[in-house]
C-alpha atoms as a PDB file:
ATOM      1  CA  UNK A   1      73.484 -31.648 149.754  1.00  0.00           C
ATOM      2  CA  UNK A   2      73.005 -34.585 147.372  1.00  0.00           C
ATOM      3  CA  UNK A   3      75.760 -35.968 145.202  1.00  0.00           C
ATOM      4  CA  UNK A   4      74.749 -36.782 141.622  1.00  0.00           C
ATOM      5  CA  UNK A   5      76.527 -38.937 139.118  1.00  0.00           C
ATOM      6  CA  UNK A   6      77.134 -37.517 136.594  1.00  0.00           C
ATOM      7  CA  UNK A   7      77.489 -34.083 138.113  1.00  0.00           C
ATOM      8  CA  UNK A   8      76.166 -32.474 134.937  1.00  0.00           C
ATOM      9  CA  UNK A   9      74.127 -33.541 131.934  1.00  0.00           C
ATOM     10  CA  UNK A  10      73.405 -32.224 128.470  1.00  0.00           C
ATOM     11  CA  UNK A  11      69.798 -31.320 127.763  1.00  0.00           C
ATOM     12  CA  UNK A  12      68.323 -30.717 124.321  1.00  0.00           C
ATOM     13  CA  UNK A  13      65.007 -28.896 124.016  1.00  0.00           C
ATOM     14  CA  UNK A  14      62.732 -29.090 120.989  1.00  0.00           C
ATOM     15  CA  UNK A  15      59.540 -27.321 120.047  1.00  0.00           C
ATOM     16  CA  UNK A  16      56.429 -29.493 120.306  1.00  0.00           C
ATOM     17  CA  UNK A  17      54.065 -29.538 117.328  1.00  0.00           C
ATOM     18  CA  UNK A  18      50.630 -31.023 116.803  1.00  0.00           C
ATOM     19  CA  UNK A  19      50.243 -33.246 113.779  1.00  0.00           C
ATOM     20  CA  UNK A  20      48.020 -35.946 112.387  1.00  0.00           C
ATOM     21  CA  UNK A  21      49.490 -39.438 111.966  1.00  0.00           C
ATOM     22  CA  UNK A  22      48.175 -42.482 110.108  1.00  0.00           C
ATOM     23  CA  UNK A  23      47.264 -45.608 112.064  1.00  0.00           C
ATOM     24  CA  UNK A  24      48.488 -48.782 110.363  1.00  0.00           C
ATOM     25  CA  UNK A  25      47.291 -52.248 111.397  1.00  0.00           C
ATOM     26  CA  UNK A  26      50.128 -54.599 112.372  1.00  0.00           C
ATOM     27  CA  UNK A  27      49.222 -57.789 110.508  1.00  0.00           C
ATOM     28  CA  UNK A  28      50.996 -60.987 111.525  1.00  0.00           C
ATOM     29  CA  UNK A  29      50.931 -64.300 109.650  1.00  0.00           C
ATOM     30  CA  UNK A  30      48.622 -65.436 106.852  1.00  0.00           C
ATOM     31  CA  UNK A  31      44.927 -66.103 106.546  1.00  0.00           C
ATOM     32  CA  UNK A  32      43.839 -69.761 106.582  1.00  0.00           C
ATOM     33  CA  UNK A  33      44.095 -71.576 103.233  1.00  0.00           C
ATOM     34  CA  UNK A  34      41.473 -70.598 100.691  1.00  0.00           C
ATOM     35  CA  UNK A  35      40.868 -67.097 102.082  1.00  0.00           C
ATOM     36  CA  UNK A  36      42.053 -63.686 100.943  1.00  0.00           C
ATOM     37  CA  UNK A  37      41.779 -60.180 102.387  1.00  0.00           C
ATOM     38  CA  UNK A  38      39.197 -58.070 100.569  1.00  0.00           C
ATOM     39  CA  UNK A  39      39.506 -54.898 102.643  1.00  0.00           C
ATOM     40  CA  UNK A  40      41.087 -53.636 105.873  1.00  0.00           C
ATOM     41  CA  UNK A  41      39.747 -50.545 107.592  1.00  0.00           C
ATOM     42  CA  UNK A  42      41.115 -48.815 110.696  1.00  0.00           C
ATOM     43  CA  UNK A  43      38.659 -46.667 112.669  1.00  0.00           C
ATOM     44  CA  UNK A  44      39.746 -43.934 113.152  1.00  0.00           C
ATOM     45  CA  UNK A  45      42.328 -43.940 110.326  1.00  0.00           C
ATOM     46  CA  UNK A  46      44.204 -40.902 111.739  1.00  0.00           C
ATOM     47  CA  UNK A  47      45.071 -39.544 115.153  1.00  0.00           C
ATOM     48  CA  UNK A  48      46.297 -36.159 116.396  1.00  0.00           C
ATOM     49  CA  UNK A  49      49.550 -36.322 118.337  1.00  0.00           C
ATOM     50  CA  UNK A  50      52.129 -34.028 119.868  1.00  0.00           C
ATOM     51  CA  UNK A  51      55.701 -34.586 118.746  1.00  0.00           C
ATOM     52  CA  UNK A  52      59.041 -32.791 118.829  1.00  0.00           C
ATOM     53  CA  UNK A  53      59.840 -30.673 115.818  1.00  0.00           C
ATOM     54  CA  UNK A  54      62.899 -31.931 113.935  1.00  0.00           C
ATOM     55  CA  UNK A  55      65.087 -29.218 112.380  1.00  0.00           C
ATOM     56  CA  UNK A  56      62.109 -26.896 112.005  1.00  0.00           C
ATOM     57  CA  UNK A  57      60.035 -29.565 110.222  1.00  0.00           C
ATOM     58  CA  UNK A  58      57.268 -31.873 111.335  1.00  0.00           C
ATOM     59  CA  UNK A  59      58.314 -35.504 111.585  1.00  0.00           C
ATOM     60  CA  UNK A  60      56.237 -37.769 109.368  1.00  0.00           C
ATOM     61  CA  UNK A  61      55.512 -40.807 111.496  1.00  0.00           C
ATOM     62  CA  UNK A  62      52.930 -43.575 111.422  1.00  0.00           C
ATOM     63  CA  UNK A  63      51.749 -45.435 114.479  1.00  0.00           C
ATOM     64  CA  UNK A  64      50.763 -49.112 114.469  1.00  0.00           C
ATOM     65  CA  UNK A  65      48.231 -51.226 116.288  1.00  0.00           C
ATOM     66  CA  UNK A  66      48.984 -54.139 118.548  1.00  0.00           C
ATOM     67  CA  UNK A  67      49.395 -57.305 116.427  1.00  0.00           C
ATOM     68  CA  UNK A  68      46.444 -58.780 114.523  1.00  0.00           C
ATOM     69  CA  UNK A  69      47.053 -62.519 114.026  1.00  0.00           C
ATOM     70  CA  UNK A  70      45.569 -63.450 110.648  1.00  0.00           C
ATOM     71  CA  UNK A  71      45.734 -67.251 111.062  1.00  0.00           C
ATOM     72  CA  UNK A  72      42.778 -67.146 113.475  1.00  0.00           C
ATOM     73  CA  UNK A  73      40.490 -65.177 111.127  1.00  0.00           C
ATOM     74  CA  UNK A  74      37.973 -67.252 109.143  1.00  0.00           C
ATOM     75  CA  UNK A  75      35.310 -64.615 108.364  1.00  0.00           C
ATOM     76  CA  UNK A  76      34.746 -60.861 108.413  1.00  0.00           C
ATOM     77  CA  UNK A  77      36.159 -59.687 111.745  1.00  0.00           C
ATOM     78  CA  UNK A  78      36.229 -56.542 113.852  1.00  0.00           C
ATOM     79  CA  UNK A  79      38.922 -56.236 116.545  1.00  0.00           C
ATOM     80  CA  UNK A  80      39.751 -53.506 119.034  1.00  0.00           C
ATOM     81  CA  UNK A  81      43.478 -52.825 119.295  1.00  0.00           C
ATOM     82  CA  UNK A  82      45.822 -50.586 121.247  1.00  0.00           C
ATOM     83  CA  UNK A  83      48.240 -48.107 119.664  1.00  0.00           C
ATOM     84  CA  UNK A  84      51.994 -48.673 119.601  1.00  0.00           C
ATOM     85  CA  UNK A  85      53.879 -45.415 119.112  1.00  0.00           C
ATOM     86  CA  UNK A  86      57.430 -44.147 119.567  1.00  0.00           C
ATOM     87  CA  UNK A  87      58.038 -42.611 123.011  1.00  0.00           C
ATOM     88  CA  UNK A  88      58.495 -39.190 121.403  1.00  0.00           C
ATOM     89  CA  UNK A  89      54.812 -39.120 120.359  1.00  0.00           C
ATOM     90  CA  UNK A  90      52.029 -38.327 122.794  1.00  0.00           C
ATOM     91  CA  UNK A  91      48.297 -38.267 122.039  1.00  0.00           C
ATOM     92  CA  UNK A  92      46.639 -34.840 122.071  1.00  0.00           C
ATOM     93  CA  UNK A  93      43.813 -36.280 124.208  1.00  0.00           C
ATOM     94  CA  UNK A  94      46.292 -37.463 126.898  1.00  0.00           C
ATOM     95  CA  UNK A  95      45.355 -41.143 126.457  1.00  0.00           C
ATOM     96  CA  UNK A  96      45.867 -43.409 123.483  1.00  0.00           C
ATOM     97  CA  UNK A  97      42.421 -44.488 122.222  1.00  0.00           C
ATOM     98  CA  UNK A  98      41.525 -48.027 121.291  1.00  0.00           C
ATOM     99  CA  UNK A  99      41.096 -48.354 117.540  1.00  0.00           C
ATOM    100  CA  UNK A 100      38.909 -50.732 115.596  1.00  0.00           C
ATOM    101  CA  UNK A 101      40.435 -52.871 112.854  1.00  0.00           C
ATOM    102  CA  UNK A 102      37.812 -54.270 110.466  1.00  0.00           C
ATOM    103  CA  UNK A 103      38.980 -57.095 108.204  1.00  0.00           C
ATOM    104  CA  UNK A 104      36.768 -58.288 105.357  1.00  0.00           C
ATOM    105  CA  UNK A 105      37.737 -61.649 103.875  1.00  0.00           C
ATOM    106  CA  UNK A 106      36.586 -63.670 100.893  1.00  0.00           C
ATOM    107  CA  UNK A 107      37.273 -67.008  99.277  1.00  0.00           C
ATOM    108  CA  UNK A 108      40.144 -67.318  96.816  1.00  0.00           C
ATOM    109  CA  UNK A 109      38.989 -68.215  93.322  1.00  0.00           C
END
């Protein structure tokens, strides 16, 4: 027989629900001088996840991308990023997809 420490543990079970969450780009820093962001698009903008139900309600949670460092962007740019999500969220498709972050820039007037 195996000895365990602690000899007992408390376990809380929660219902799992499917929901759609927004994907937000994690922007770090500033664009180089003279440039401004015109538009940022995340493709796909939403993702279906499985998450524990909290007190009978769906938790409203956003997930973020890995950091996008703005100081190295000088023109319209498209980057592929990973998803950063709380451990309680799991993707419906079993793997987190890569997402595309499209940044359109223009000159400041």
